[in-house]
């Protein structure tokens, strides 16, 4: 597959995942998942919004995969810190997002 076509599929897929994930009311998971708190929500957001595109990029050997880092960072930052949390939880949510994102990218480059 041509590299530009691979990137086109990746970016369109990332946009679709981001839009669909934003429509899911994560707060409703509180009833079913006790860990859906200031740690669980950003962890789940980061896994979906960063993990899925990184998994696709790894499986298809997308060239210049490191260009996804700023794209995924800003999309995940918006999803995690966009007002779903109280002020005191924003610091915790930000650190959870950064740690999870670093783990995903370390796995991408070294596995």
PDB file of N, CA and C in Angstrom:
ATOM      1  N   UNK A   1       0.844  -1.173   0.000  1.00  0.00           N
ATOM      2  CA  UNK A   1       0.000   0.000   0.000  1.00  0.00           C
ATOM      3  C   UNK A   1       0.893   1.241   0.000  1.00  0.00           C
ATOM      4  N   UNK A   2       0.473   2.238  -0.700  1.00  0.00           N
ATOM      5  CA  UNK A   2       1.233   3.490  -0.776  1.00  0.00           C
ATOM      6  C   UNK A   2       1.239   4.187   0.592  1.00  0.00           C
ATOM      7  N   UNK A   3       2.375   4.776   0.980  1.00  0.00           N
ATOM      8  CA  UNK A   3       2.446   5.436   2.293  1.00  0.00           C
ATOM      9  C   UNK A   3       1.417   6.544   2.469  1.00  0.00           C
ATOM     10  N   UNK A   4       1.145   7.304   1.422  1.00  0.00           N
ATOM     11  CA  UNK A   4       0.179   8.392   1.563  1.00  0.00           C
ATOM     12  C   UNK A   4      -1.226   7.837   1.778  1.00  0.00           C
ATOM     13  N   UNK A   5      -1.532   6.689   1.169  1.00  0.00           N
ATOM     14  CA  UNK A   5      -2.846   6.076   1.359  1.00  0.00           C
ATOM     15  C   UNK A   5      -2.983   5.522   2.778  1.00  0.00           C
ATOM     16  N   UNK A   6      -1.890   4.979   3.290  1.00  0.00           N
ATOM     17  CA  UNK A   6      -1.884   4.483   4.658  1.00  0.00           C
ATOM     18  C   UNK A   6      -2.131   5.620   5.645  1.00  0.00           C
ATOM     19  N   UNK A   7      -1.478   6.762   5.418  1.00  0.00           N
ATOM     20  CA  UNK A   7      -1.687   7.920   6.289  1.00  0.00           C
ATOM     21  C   UNK A   7      -3.108   8.468   6.151  1.00  0.00           C
ATOM     22  N   UNK A   8      -3.650   8.457   4.947  1.00  0.00           N
ATOM     23  CA  UNK A   8      -5.022   8.925   4.741  1.00  0.00           C
ATOM     24  C   UNK A   8      -6.006   8.063   5.515  1.00  0.00           C
ATOM     25  N   UNK A   9      -5.849   6.753   5.426  1.00  0.00           N
ATOM     26  CA  UNK A   9      -6.720   5.837   6.181  1.00  0.00           C
ATOM     27  C   UNK A   9      -6.549   6.055   7.678  1.00  0.00           C
ATOM     28  N   UNK A  10      -5.307   6.228   8.110  1.00  0.00           N
ATOM     29  CA  UNK A  10      -5.034   6.441   9.529  1.00  0.00           C
ATOM     30  C   UNK A  10      -5.690   7.717  10.045  1.00  0.00           C
ATOM     31  N   UNK A  11      -5.555   8.811   9.323  1.00  0.00           N
ATOM     32  CA  UNK A  11      -6.128  10.083   9.782  1.00  0.00           C
ATOM     33  C   UNK A  11      -7.656  10.074   9.733  1.00  0.00           C
ATOM     34  N   UNK A  12      -8.229   9.488   8.707  1.00  0.00           N
ATOM     35  CA  UNK A  12      -9.693   9.386   8.646  1.00  0.00           C
ATOM     36  C   UNK A  12     -10.204   8.484   9.767  1.00  0.00           C
ATOM     37  N   UNK A  13      -9.511   7.371   9.994  1.00  0.00           N
ATOM     38  CA  UNK A  13      -9.897   6.481  11.092  1.00  0.00           C
ATOM     39  C   UNK A  13      -9.767   7.152  12.445  1.00  0.00           C
ATOM     40  N   UNK A  14      -8.708   7.931  12.636  1.00  0.00           N
ATOM     41  CA  UNK A  14      -8.522   8.663  13.897  1.00  0.00           C
ATOM     42  C   UNK A  14      -9.640   9.672  14.099  1.00  0.00           C
ATOM     43  N   UNK A  15     -10.016  10.360  13.049  1.00  0.00           N
ATOM     44  CA  UNK A  15     -11.118  11.319  13.136  1.00  0.00           C
ATOM     45  C   UNK A  15     -12.424  10.617  13.496  1.00  0.00           C
ATOM     46  N   UNK A  16     -12.687   9.478  12.872  1.00  0.00           N
ATOM     47  CA  UNK A  16     -13.918   8.736  13.161  1.00  0.00           C
ATOM     48  C   UNK A  16     -13.918   8.226  14.596  1.00  0.00           C
ATOM     49  N   UNK A  17     -12.802   7.666  15.052  1.00  0.00           N
ATOM     50  CA  UNK A  17     -12.710   7.187  16.436  1.00  0.00           C
ATOM     51  C   UNK A  17     -12.910   8.337  17.411  1.00  0.00           C
ATOM     52  N   UNK A  18     -12.289   9.483  17.137  1.00  0.00           N
ATOM     53  CA  UNK A  18     -12.410  10.630  18.027  1.00  0.00           C
ATOM     54  C   UNK A  18     -13.864  11.115  18.098  1.00  0.00           C
ATOM     55  N   UNK A  19     -14.523  11.186  16.957  1.00  0.00           N
ATOM     56  CA  UNK A  19     -15.915  11.652  16.935  1.00  0.00           C
ATOM     57  C   UNK A  19     -16.846  10.653  17.619  1.00  0.00           C
ATOM     58  N   UNK A  20     -16.705   9.377  17.313  1.00  0.00           N
ATOM     59  CA  UNK A  20     -17.564   8.373  17.935  1.00  0.00           C
ATOM     60  C   UNK A  20     -17.328   8.284  19.434  1.00  0.00           C
ATOM     61  N   UNK A  21     -16.077   8.363  19.856  1.00  0.00           N
ATOM     62  CA  UNK A  21     -15.772   8.275  21.282  1.00  0.00           C
ATOM     63  C   UNK A  21     -16.306   9.493  22.036  1.00  0.00           C
ATOM     64  N   UNK A  22     -16.364  10.639  21.385  1.00  0.00           N
ATOM     65  CA  UNK A  22     -16.885  11.825  22.064  1.00  0.00           C
ATOM     66  C   UNK A  22     -18.389  11.747  22.271  1.00  0.00           C
ATOM     67  N   UNK A  23     -19.068  10.924  21.508  1.00  0.00           N
ATOM     68  CA  UNK A  23     -20.519  10.783  21.684  1.00  0.00           C
ATOM     69  C   UNK A  23     -20.895   9.803  22.784  1.00  0.00           C
ATOM     70  N   UNK A  24     -19.939   8.991  23.234  1.00  0.00           N
ATOM     71  CA  UNK A  24     -20.222   8.013  24.286  1.00  0.00           C
ATOM     72  C   UNK A  24     -20.152   8.726  25.634  1.00  0.00           C
ATOM     73  N   UNK A  25     -21.228   8.715  26.396  1.00  0.00           N
ATOM     74  CA  UNK A  25     -21.187   9.359  27.724  1.00  0.00           C
ATOM     75  C   UNK A  25     -20.431   8.483  28.719  1.00  0.00           C
ATOM     76  N   UNK A  26     -19.156   8.765  28.885  1.00  0.00           N
ATOM     77  CA  UNK A  26     -18.304   7.943  29.746  1.00  0.00           C
ATOM     78  C   UNK A  26     -18.785   7.976  31.191  1.00  0.00           C
ATOM     79  N   UNK A  27     -19.462   9.041  31.574  1.00  0.00           N
ATOM     80  CA  UNK A  27     -19.939   9.150  32.948  1.00  0.00           C
ATOM     81  C   UNK A  27     -20.936   8.044  33.283  1.00  0.00           C
ATOM     82  N   UNK A  28     -21.594   7.485  32.279  1.00  0.00           N
ATOM     83  CA  UNK A  28     -22.544   6.396  32.530  1.00  0.00           C
ATOM     84  C   UNK A  28     -21.847   5.108  32.918  1.00  0.00           C
ATOM     85  N   UNK A  29     -20.563   4.995  32.631  1.00  0.00           N
ATOM     86  CA  UNK A  29     -19.816   3.817  33.039  1.00  0.00           C
ATOM     87  C   UNK A  29     -19.646   3.759  34.551  1.00  0.00           C
ATOM     88  N   UNK A  30     -19.925   4.859  35.257  1.00  0.00           N
ATOM     89  CA  UNK A  30     -19.755   4.896  36.707  1.00  0.00           C
ATOM     90  C   UNK A  30     -20.557   3.800  37.396  1.00  0.00           C
ATOM     91  N   UNK A  31     -21.724   3.493  36.855  1.00  0.00           N
ATOM     92  CA  UNK A  31     -22.568   2.461  37.467  1.00  0.00           C
ATOM     93  C   UNK A  31     -21.956   1.076  37.338  1.00  0.00           C
ATOM     94  N   UNK A  32     -21.246   0.842  36.254  1.00  0.00           N
ATOM     95  CA  UNK A  32     -20.777  -0.501  35.947  1.00  0.00           C
ATOM     96  C   UNK A  32     -19.308  -0.729  36.270  1.00  0.00           C
ATOM     97  N   UNK A  33     -18.555   0.336  36.344  1.00  0.00           N
ATOM     98  CA  UNK A  33     -17.116   0.212  36.564  1.00  0.00           C
ATOM     99  C   UNK A  33     -16.717   1.134  37.703  1.00  0.00           C
ATOM    100  N   UNK A  34     -16.393   0.558  38.837  1.00  0.00           N
ATOM    101  CA  UNK A  34     -16.080   1.342  40.039  1.00  0.00           C
ATOM    102  C   UNK A  34     -14.824   2.189  39.879  1.00  0.00           C
ATOM    103  N   UNK A  35     -13.921   1.793  38.983  1.00  0.00           N
ATOM    104  CA  UNK A  35     -12.677   2.541  38.820  1.00  0.00           C
ATOM    105  C   UNK A  35     -12.801   3.668  37.793  1.00  0.00           C
ATOM    106  N   UNK A  36     -13.996   3.989  37.405  1.00  0.00           N
ATOM    107  CA  UNK A  36     -14.208   5.083  36.445  1.00  0.00           C
ATOM    108  C   UNK A  36     -14.234   6.406  37.218  1.00  0.00           C
ATOM    109  N   UNK A  37     -13.085   6.793  37.697  1.00  0.00           N
ATOM    110  CA  UNK A  37     -12.936   8.009  38.483  1.00  0.00           C
ATOM    111  C   UNK A  37     -11.893   8.896  37.818  1.00  0.00           C
ATOM    112  N   UNK A  38     -11.223   9.732  38.577  1.00  0.00           N
ATOM    113  CA  UNK A  38     -10.230  10.626  37.988  1.00  0.00           C
ATOM    114  C   UNK A  38      -9.032   9.875  37.417  1.00  0.00           C
ATOM    115  N   UNK A  39      -8.896   8.604  37.709  1.00  0.00           N
ATOM    116  CA  UNK A  39      -7.828   7.789  37.127  1.00  0.00           C
ATOM    117  C   UNK A  39      -8.360   6.947  35.974  1.00  0.00           C
ATOM    118  N   UNK A  40      -9.512   6.358  36.138  1.00  0.00           N
ATOM    119  CA  UNK A  40     -10.061   5.450  35.132  1.00  0.00           C
ATOM    120  C   UNK A  40     -10.496   6.127  33.847  1.00  0.00           C
ATOM    121  N   UNK A  41     -11.146   7.274  33.959  1.00  0.00           N
ATOM    122  CA  UNK A  41     -11.625   7.968  32.749  1.00  0.00           C
ATOM    123  C   UNK A  41     -10.496   8.432  31.844  1.00  0.00           C
ATOM    124  N   UNK A  42      -9.473   9.130  32.360  1.00  0.00           N
ATOM    125  CA  UNK A  42      -8.391   9.528  31.457  1.00  0.00           C
ATOM    126  C   UNK A  42      -7.615   8.335  30.908  1.00  0.00           C
ATOM    127  N   UNK A  43      -7.507   7.273  31.709  1.00  0.00           N
ATOM    128  CA  UNK A  43      -6.830   6.072  31.239  1.00  0.00           C
ATOM    129  C   UNK A  43      -7.594   5.462  30.058  1.00  0.00           C
ATOM    130  N   UNK A  44      -8.903   5.364  30.192  1.00  0.00           N
ATOM    131  CA  UNK A  44      -9.727   4.807  29.120  1.00  0.00           C
ATOM    132  C   UNK A  44      -9.712   5.706  27.886  1.00  0.00           C
ATOM    133  N   UNK A  45      -9.817   7.018  28.077  1.00  0.00           N
ATOM    134  CA  UNK A  45      -9.743   7.951  26.943  1.00  0.00           C
ATOM    135  C   UNK A  45      -8.415   7.831  26.203  1.00  0.00           C
ATOM    136  N   UNK A  46      -7.327   7.754  26.944  1.00  0.00           N
ATOM    137  CA  UNK A  46      -6.012   7.683  26.326  1.00  0.00           C
ATOM    138  C   UNK A  46      -5.826   6.363  25.587  1.00  0.00           C
ATOM    139  N   UNK A  47      -6.303   5.271  26.182  1.00  0.00           N
ATOM    140  CA  UNK A  47      -6.190   3.985  25.504  1.00  0.00           C
ATOM    141  C   UNK A  47      -6.940   3.979  24.174  1.00  0.00           C
ATOM    142  N   UNK A  48      -8.117   4.579  24.138  1.00  0.00           N
ATOM    143  CA  UNK A  48      -8.911   4.557  22.910  1.00  0.00           C
ATOM    144  C   UNK A  48      -8.364   5.545  21.890  1.00  0.00           C
ATOM    145  N   UNK A  49      -8.163   6.795  22.288  1.00  0.00           N
ATOM    146  CA  UNK A  49      -7.824   7.842  21.323  1.00  0.00           C
ATOM    147  C   UNK A  49      -6.359   7.777  20.878  1.00  0.00           C
ATOM    148  N   UNK A  50      -5.475   7.302  21.739  1.00  0.00           N
ATOM    149  CA  UNK A  50      -4.077   7.164  21.334  1.00  0.00           C
ATOM    150  C   UNK A  50      -3.749   5.719  20.960  1.00  0.00           C
ATOM    151  N   UNK A  51      -4.273   4.777  21.709  1.00  0.00           N
ATOM    152  CA  UNK A  51      -3.916   3.383  21.500  1.00  0.00           C
ATOM    153  C   UNK A  51      -4.370   2.800  20.176  1.00  0.00           C
ATOM    154  N   UNK A  52      -5.580   3.106  19.736  1.00  0.00           N
ATOM    155  CA  UNK A  52      -6.076   2.545  18.480  1.00  0.00           C
ATOM    156  C   UNK A  52      -5.297   3.037  17.259  1.00  0.00           C
ATOM    157  N   UNK A  53      -5.039   4.347  17.114  1.00  0.00           N
ATOM    158  CA  UNK A  53      -4.221   4.768  15.971  1.00  0.00           C
ATOM    159  C   UNK A  53      -2.789   4.229  16.025  1.00  0.00           C
ATOM    160  N   UNK A  54      -2.223   4.140  17.202  1.00  0.00           N
ATOM    161  CA  UNK A  54      -0.871   3.612  17.329  1.00  0.00           C
ATOM    162  C   UNK A  54      -0.845   2.132  16.967  1.00  0.00           C
ATOM    163  N   UNK A  55      -1.864   1.402  17.376  1.00  0.00           N
ATOM    164  CA  UNK A  55      -1.959  -0.008  17.018  1.00  0.00           C
ATOM    165  C   UNK A  55      -2.071  -0.184  15.505  1.00  0.00           C
ATOM    166  N   UNK A  56      -2.891   0.633  14.865  1.00  0.00           N
ATOM    167  CA  UNK A  56      -3.009   0.577  13.407  1.00  0.00           C
ATOM    168  C   UNK A  56      -1.672   0.922  12.737  1.00  0.00           C
ATOM    169  N   UNK A  57      -1.024   1.961  13.232  1.00  0.00           N
ATOM    170  CA  UNK A  57       0.258   2.369  12.645  1.00  0.00           C
ATOM    171  C   UNK A  57       1.308   1.275  12.811  1.00  0.00           C
ATOM    172  N   UNK A  58       1.294   0.600  13.937  1.00  0.00           N
ATOM    173  CA  UNK A  58       2.266  -0.471  14.176  1.00  0.00           C
ATOM    174  C   UNK A  58       1.969  -1.678  13.290  1.00  0.00           C
ATOM    175  N   UNK A  59       0.701  -2.052  13.189  1.00  0.00           N
ATOM    176  CA  UNK A  59       0.344  -3.230  12.399  1.00  0.00           C
ATOM    177  C   UNK A  59       0.578  -3.039  10.908  1.00  0.00           C
ATOM    178  N   UNK A  60       0.418  -1.825  10.422  1.00  0.00           N
ATOM    179  CA  UNK A  60       0.589  -1.574   8.987  1.00  0.00           C
ATOM    180  C   UNK A  60       1.961  -1.004   8.655  1.00  0.00           C
ATOM    181  N   UNK A  61       2.825  -0.883   9.641  1.00  0.00           N
ATOM    182  CA  UNK A  61       4.169  -0.321   9.460  1.00  0.00           C
ATOM    183  C   UNK A  61       4.125   1.021   8.740  1.00  0.00           C
ATOM    184  N   UNK A  62       3.335   1.920   9.284  1.00  0.00           N
ATOM    185  CA  UNK A  62       3.185   3.252   8.716  1.00  0.00           C
ATOM    186  C   UNK A  62       4.506   4.012   8.797  1.00  0.00           C
ATOM    187  N   UNK A  63       4.973   4.572   7.680  1.00  0.00           N
ATOM    188  CA  UNK A  63       6.211   5.349   7.736  1.00  0.00           C
ATOM    189  C   UNK A  63       5.980   6.662   8.489  1.00  0.00           C
ATOM    190  N   UNK A  64       7.020   7.121   9.119  1.00  0.00           N
ATOM    191  CA  UNK A  64       6.958   8.357   9.913  1.00  0.00           C
ATOM    192  C   UNK A  64       5.882   8.279  10.994  1.00  0.00           C
ATOM    193  N   UNK A  65       5.830   7.154  11.677  1.00  0.00           N
ATOM    194  CA  UNK A  65       4.825   6.963  12.730  1.00  0.00           C
ATOM    195  C   UNK A  65       4.964   7.935  13.879  1.00  0.00           C
ATOM    196  N   UNK A  66       6.159   8.460  14.070  1.00  0.00           N
ATOM    197  CA  UNK A  66       6.383   9.413  15.158  1.00  0.00           C
ATOM    198  C   UNK A  66       5.594  10.705  14.943  1.00  0.00           C
ATOM    199  N   UNK A  67       5.131  10.957  13.712  1.00  0.00           N
ATOM    200  CA  UNK A  67       4.308  12.148  13.477  1.00  0.00           C
ATOM    201  C   UNK A  67       2.943  12.054  14.168  1.00  0.00           C
ATOM    202  N   UNK A  68       2.567  10.860  14.562  1.00  0.00           N
ATOM    203  CA  UNK A  68       1.318  10.689  15.298  1.00  0.00           C
ATOM    204  C   UNK A  68       1.397  11.215  16.725  1.00  0.00           C
ATOM    205  N   UNK A  69       2.592  11.353  17.253  1.00  0.00           N
ATOM    206  CA  UNK A  69       2.734  11.773  18.655  1.00  0.00           C
ATOM    207  C   UNK A  69       2.057  13.117  18.908  1.00  0.00           C
ATOM    208  N   UNK A  70       2.355  14.185  18.172  1.00  0.00           N
ATOM    209  CA  UNK A  70       1.659  15.449  18.475  1.00  0.00           C
ATOM    210  C   UNK A  70       0.167  15.401  18.137  1.00  0.00           C
ATOM    211  N   UNK A  71      -0.199  14.683  17.081  1.00  0.00           N
ATOM    212  CA  UNK A  71      -1.617  14.595  16.716  1.00  0.00           C
ATOM    213  C   UNK A  71      -2.403  13.925  17.833  1.00  0.00           C
ATOM    214  N   UNK A  72      -1.924  12.763  18.268  1.00  0.00           N
ATOM    215  CA  UNK A  72      -2.610  12.030  19.341  1.00  0.00           C
ATOM    216  C   UNK A  72      -2.542  12.786  20.661  1.00  0.00           C
ATOM    217  N   UNK A  73      -1.428  13.466  20.906  1.00  0.00           N
ATOM    218  CA  UNK A  73      -1.301  14.203  22.161  1.00  0.00           C
ATOM    219  C   UNK A  73      -2.373  15.284  22.283  1.00  0.00           C
ATOM    220  N   UNK A  74      -2.545  16.081  21.242  1.00  0.00           N
ATOM    221  CA  UNK A  74      -3.522  17.170  21.333  1.00  0.00           C
ATOM    222  C   UNK A  74      -4.961  16.654  21.344  1.00  0.00           C
ATOM    223  N   UNK A  75      -5.249  15.615  20.580  1.00  0.00           N
ATOM    224  CA  UNK A  75      -6.600  15.054  20.608  1.00  0.00           C
ATOM    225  C   UNK A  75      -6.911  14.423  21.957  1.00  0.00           C
ATOM    226  N   UNK A  76      -5.962  13.697  22.509  1.00  0.00           N
ATOM    227  CA  UNK A  76      -6.179  13.070  23.817  1.00  0.00           C
ATOM    228  C   UNK A  76      -6.251  14.114  24.913  1.00  0.00           C
ATOM    229  N   UNK A  77      -5.412  15.125  24.828  1.00  0.00           N
ATOM    230  CA  UNK A  77      -5.449  16.194  25.827  1.00  0.00           C
ATOM    231  C   UNK A  77      -6.809  16.881  25.805  1.00  0.00           C
ATOM    232  N   UNK A  78      -7.334  17.138  24.632  1.00  0.00           N
ATOM    233  CA  UNK A  78      -8.650  17.760  24.544  1.00  0.00           C
ATOM    234  C   UNK A  78      -9.715  16.853  25.137  1.00  0.00           C
ATOM    235  N   UNK A  79      -9.667  15.567  24.823  1.00  0.00           N
ATOM    236  CA  UNK A  79     -10.687  14.639  25.320  1.00  0.00           C
ATOM    237  C   UNK A  79     -10.621  14.468  26.834  1.00  0.00           C
ATOM    238  N   UNK A  80      -9.414  14.413  27.370  1.00  0.00           N
ATOM    239  CA  UNK A  80      -9.260  14.155  28.802  1.00  0.00           C
ATOM    240  C   UNK A  80      -9.513  15.405  29.632  1.00  0.00           C
ATOM    241  N   UNK A  81      -9.031  16.547  29.177  1.00  0.00           N
ATOM    242  CA  UNK A  81      -9.085  17.748  30.004  1.00  0.00           C
ATOM    243  C   UNK A  81     -10.127  18.760  29.539  1.00  0.00           C
ATOM    244  N   UNK A  82     -11.140  18.321  28.848  1.00  0.00           N
ATOM    245  CA  UNK A  82     -12.101  19.259  28.265  1.00  0.00           C
ATOM    246  C   UNK A  82     -13.255  19.617  29.189  1.00  0.00           C
ATOM    247  N   UNK A  83     -13.049  19.584  30.451  1.00  0.00           N
ATOM    248  CA  UNK A  83     -14.100  20.012  31.358  1.00  0.00           C
ATOM    249  C   UNK A  83     -14.921  18.886  31.939  1.00  0.00           C
ATOM    250  N   UNK A  84     -14.520  17.651  31.718  1.00  0.00           N
ATOM    251  CA  UNK A  84     -15.257  16.540  32.303  1.00  0.00           C
ATOM    252  C   UNK A  84     -14.910  16.344  33.774  1.00  0.00           C
ATOM    253  N   UNK A  85     -13.907  17.019  34.227  1.00  0.00           N
ATOM    254  CA  UNK A  85     -13.430  16.823  35.587  1.00  0.00           C
ATOM    255  C   UNK A  85     -13.506  18.126  36.371  1.00  0.00           C
ATOM    256  N   UNK A  86     -13.553  17.989  37.670  1.00  0.00           N
ATOM    257  CA  UNK A  86     -13.468  19.155  38.534  1.00  0.00           C
ATOM    258  C   UNK A  86     -12.037  19.675  38.534  1.00  0.00           C
ATOM    259  N   UNK A  87     -11.849  20.875  39.030  1.00  0.00           N
ATOM    260  CA  UNK A  87     -10.516  21.497  39.030  1.00  0.00           C
ATOM    261  C   UNK A  87      -9.479  20.633  39.732  1.00  0.00           C
ATOM    262  N   UNK A  88      -9.818  20.074  40.878  1.00  0.00           N
ATOM    263  CA  UNK A  88      -8.829  19.311  41.640  1.00  0.00           C
ATOM    264  C   UNK A  88      -8.425  18.020  40.937  1.00  0.00           C
ATOM    265  N   UNK A  89      -9.288  17.500  40.064  1.00  0.00           N
ATOM    266  CA  UNK A  89      -8.985  16.255  39.372  1.00  0.00           C
ATOM    267  C   UNK A  89      -8.219  16.472  38.082  1.00  0.00           C
ATOM    268  N   UNK A  90      -8.097  17.711  37.631  1.00  0.00           N
ATOM    269  CA  UNK A  90      -7.430  17.957  36.361  1.00  0.00           C
ATOM    270  C   UNK A  90      -5.956  17.617  36.409  1.00  0.00           C
ATOM    271  N   UNK A  91      -5.297  17.873  37.503  1.00  0.00           N
ATOM    272  CA  UNK A  91      -3.876  17.559  37.622  1.00  0.00           C
ATOM    273  C   UNK A  91      -3.666  16.050  37.579  1.00  0.00           C
ATOM    274  N   UNK A  92      -4.498  15.311  38.297  1.00  0.00           N
ATOM    275  CA  UNK A  92      -4.393  13.848  38.302  1.00  0.00           C
ATOM    276  C   UNK A  92      -4.686  13.304  36.905  1.00  0.00           C
ATOM    277  N   UNK A  93      -5.733  13.811  36.270  1.00  0.00           N
ATOM    278  CA  UNK A  93      -6.112  13.337  34.936  1.00  0.00           C
ATOM    279  C   UNK A  93      -5.008  13.623  33.919  1.00  0.00           C
ATOM    280  N   UNK A  94      -4.386  14.776  34.026  1.00  0.00           N
ATOM    281  CA  UNK A  94      -3.294  15.119  33.113  1.00  0.00           C
ATOM    282  C   UNK A  94      -2.103  14.196  33.262  1.00  0.00           C
ATOM    283  N   UNK A  95      -1.737  13.874  34.493  1.00  0.00           N
ATOM    284  CA  UNK A  95      -0.609  12.981  34.707  1.00  0.00           C
ATOM    285  C   UNK A  95      -0.923  11.562  34.252  1.00  0.00           C
ATOM    286  N   UNK A  96      -2.137  11.100  34.502  1.00  0.00           N
ATOM    287  CA  UNK A  96      -2.530   9.764  34.043  1.00  0.00           C
ATOM    288  C   UNK A  96      -2.460   9.707  32.523  1.00  0.00           C
ATOM    289  N   UNK A  97      -2.931  10.770  31.858  1.00  0.00           N
ATOM    290  CA  UNK A  97      -2.887  10.821  30.400  1.00  0.00           C
ATOM    291  C   UNK A  97      -1.442  10.769  29.907  1.00  0.00           C
ATOM    292  N   UNK A  98      -0.556  11.552  30.493  1.00  0.00           N
ATOM    293  CA  UNK A  98       0.836  11.595  30.057  1.00  0.00           C
ATOM    294  C   UNK A  98       1.555  10.265  30.288  1.00  0.00           C
ATOM    295  N   UNK A  99       1.325   9.655  31.434  1.00  0.00           N
ATOM    296  CA  UNK A  99       1.980   8.382  31.746  1.00  0.00           C
ATOM    297  C   UNK A  99       1.484   7.281  30.814  1.00  0.00           C
ATOM    298  N   UNK A 100       0.171   7.225  30.597  1.00  0.00           N
ATOM    299  CA  UNK A 100      -0.382   6.211  29.705  1.00  0.00           C
ATOM    300  C   UNK A 100       0.092   6.422  28.278  1.00  0.00           C
ATOM    301  N   UNK A 101       0.113   7.670  27.833  1.00  0.00           N
ATOM    302  CA  UNK A 101       0.563   7.963  26.477  1.00  0.00           C
ATOM    303  C   UNK A 101       2.044   7.614  26.312  1.00  0.00           C
ATOM    304  N   UNK A 102       2.862   7.908  27.305  1.00  0.00           N
ATOM    305  CA  UNK A 102       4.279   7.551  27.235  1.00  0.00           C
ATOM    306  C   UNK A 102       4.454   6.042  27.161  1.00  0.00           C
ATOM    307  N   UNK A 103       3.660   5.308  27.928  1.00  0.00           N
ATOM    308  CA  UNK A 103       3.752   3.845  27.885  1.00  0.00           C
ATOM    309  C   UNK A 103       3.348   3.301  26.513  1.00  0.00           C
ATOM    310  N   UNK A 104       2.318   3.871  25.924  1.00  0.00           N
ATOM    311  CA  UNK A 104       1.880   3.435  24.592  1.00  0.00           C
ATOM    312  C   UNK A 104       2.970   3.693  23.567  1.00  0.00           C
ATOM    313  N   UNK A 105       3.585   4.867  23.599  1.00  0.00           N
ATOM    314  CA  UNK A 105       4.608   5.188  22.604  1.00  0.00           C
ATOM    315  C   UNK A 105       5.891   4.426  22.838  1.00  0.00           C
ATOM    316  N   UNK A 106       6.231   4.151  24.070  1.00  0.00           N
ATOM    317  CA  UNK A 106       7.409   3.306  24.347  1.00  0.00           C
ATOM    318  C   UNK A 106       7.167   1.909  23.794  1.00  0.00           C
ATOM    319  N   UNK A 107       5.963   1.393  23.986  1.00  0.00           N
ATOM    320  CA  UNK A 107       5.627   0.075  23.418  1.00  0.00           C
ATOM    321  C   UNK A 107       5.671   0.111  21.898  1.00  0.00           C
ATOM    322  N   UNK A 108       5.248   1.198  21.306  1.00  0.00           N
ATOM    323  CA  UNK A 108       5.261   1.322  19.836  1.00  0.00           C
ATOM    324  C   UNK A 108       6.691   1.263  19.302  1.00  0.00           C
ATOM    325  N   UNK A 109       7.588   1.974  19.922  1.00  0.00           N
ATOM    326  CA  UNK A 109       8.947   2.050  19.398  1.00  0.00           C
ATOM    327  C   UNK A 109       9.830   0.862  19.780  1.00  0.00           C
ATOM    328  N   UNK A 110       9.546   0.199  20.891  1.00  0.00           N
ATOM    329  CA  UNK A 110      10.457  -0.840  21.359  1.00  0.00           C
ATOM    330  C   UNK A 110       9.896  -2.255  21.295  1.00  0.00           C
ATOM    331  N   UNK A 111       8.657  -2.421  20.914  1.00  0.00           N
ATOM    332  CA  UNK A 111       8.107  -3.790  20.784  1.00  0.00           C
ATOM    333  C   UNK A 111       7.916  -4.166  19.350  1.00  0.00           C
TER     334      UNK A 111
END
